[in-house]
Protein backbone atom coordinates (compact mmCIF):
# COMPACT_ATOMS: atom_id res chain seq x y z
CA MET A 1 2.57 41.99 7.19
CA LYS A 2 3.94 39.29 5.28
CA ASN A 3 7.25 37.91 6.32
CA GLY A 4 8.84 34.42 5.49
CA LYS A 5 8.21 32.21 2.50
CA GLY A 6 4.81 32.55 0.56
CA LYS A 7 3.14 33.14 -2.48
CA GLU A 8 0.75 36.01 -3.89
CA TYR A 9 -1.92 35.71 -6.28
CA TYR A 10 -3.82 37.93 -8.97
CA ILE A 11 -7.50 38.34 -8.30
CA ASP A 12 -8.56 35.54 -11.06
CA GLY A 13 -6.37 32.87 -8.91
CA ILE A 14 -3.26 33.00 -11.22
CA ILE A 15 0.23 33.23 -9.01
CA LYS A 16 1.77 36.19 -8.96
CA TYR A 17 4.67 36.11 -6.96
CA GLU A 18 6.29 32.92 -5.16
CA GLY A 19 9.52 33.23 -2.63
CA LYS A 20 10.69 35.05 0.50
CA TYR A 21 9.09 38.22 2.05
CA LEU A 22 10.35 40.51 4.95
CA ASN A 23 8.30 43.60 6.32
CA ASP A 24 5.61 43.17 3.51
CA GLU A 25 8.16 43.58 0.64
CA LYS A 26 9.78 40.86 -1.57
CA ASN A 27 13.27 39.74 0.29
CA GLY A 28 15.52 36.86 -0.94
CA GLU A 29 14.78 34.11 -3.47
CA GLY A 30 11.53 34.41 -5.56
CA LYS A 31 9.95 34.17 -8.82
CA SER A 32 7.44 36.60 -10.38
CA TYR A 33 4.80 35.67 -12.87
CA ASN A 34 2.40 37.56 -15.32
CA LYS A 35 -1.39 37.61 -15.73
CA GLU A 36 -1.20 34.29 -18.03
CA GLY A 37 0.61 32.47 -15.21
CA GLN A 38 4.13 32.60 -17.43
CA LEU A 39 7.70 33.27 -15.46
CA GLU A 40 8.45 36.88 -15.65
CA SER A 41 11.49 37.02 -13.43
CA GLU A 42 13.30 34.87 -10.92
CA GLY A 43 16.13 35.78 -8.68
CA PHE A 44 17.00 38.01 -5.57
CA TYR A 45 14.63 40.36 -4.52
CA TYR A 46 15.56 43.05 -1.97
CA ASN A 47 12.84 45.63 -0.45
CA GLY A 48 10.61 44.29 -3.62
CA GLU A 49 12.84 44.80 -6.18
CA ILE A 50 14.67 42.21 -8.25
CA LEU A 51 18.47 42.81 -8.04
CA ASN A 52 20.21 39.88 -9.50
CA GLY A 53 18.50 37.16 -11.72
CA LYS A 54 16.69 36.64 -14.96
CA VAL A 55 13.88 38.85 -16.69
CA TYR A 56 12.20 36.95 -19.52
CA SER A 57 10.71 38.86 -22.43
CA PRO A 58 7.33 38.10 -23.73
CA LYS A 59 9.19 36.49 -26.90
CA LYS A 60 10.72 33.92 -24.31
CA ASP A 61 14.17 35.69 -24.64
CA SER A 62 16.15 36.48 -21.24
CA TYR A 63 18.46 38.51 -19.54
CA GLU A 64 20.68 37.64 -16.53
CA GLY A 65 22.75 40.27 -14.63
CA GLU A 66 22.51 42.72 -12.20
CA TYR A 67 19.58 45.39 -11.90
């Protein structure tokens, strides 16, 4: 079970998530990446879902706000 700060990787070794975990779920500050290694979202996670932060679109636009 994942607890504390850590990193998760896709099967090919590209980073998928880096941040904090609690009870095997993303909890706290973290960043998620797509399969190409590009930043997808960053912010505060709770029970595996992003609550507040930035989500980036494939066109490099971003959205800030609560989810």
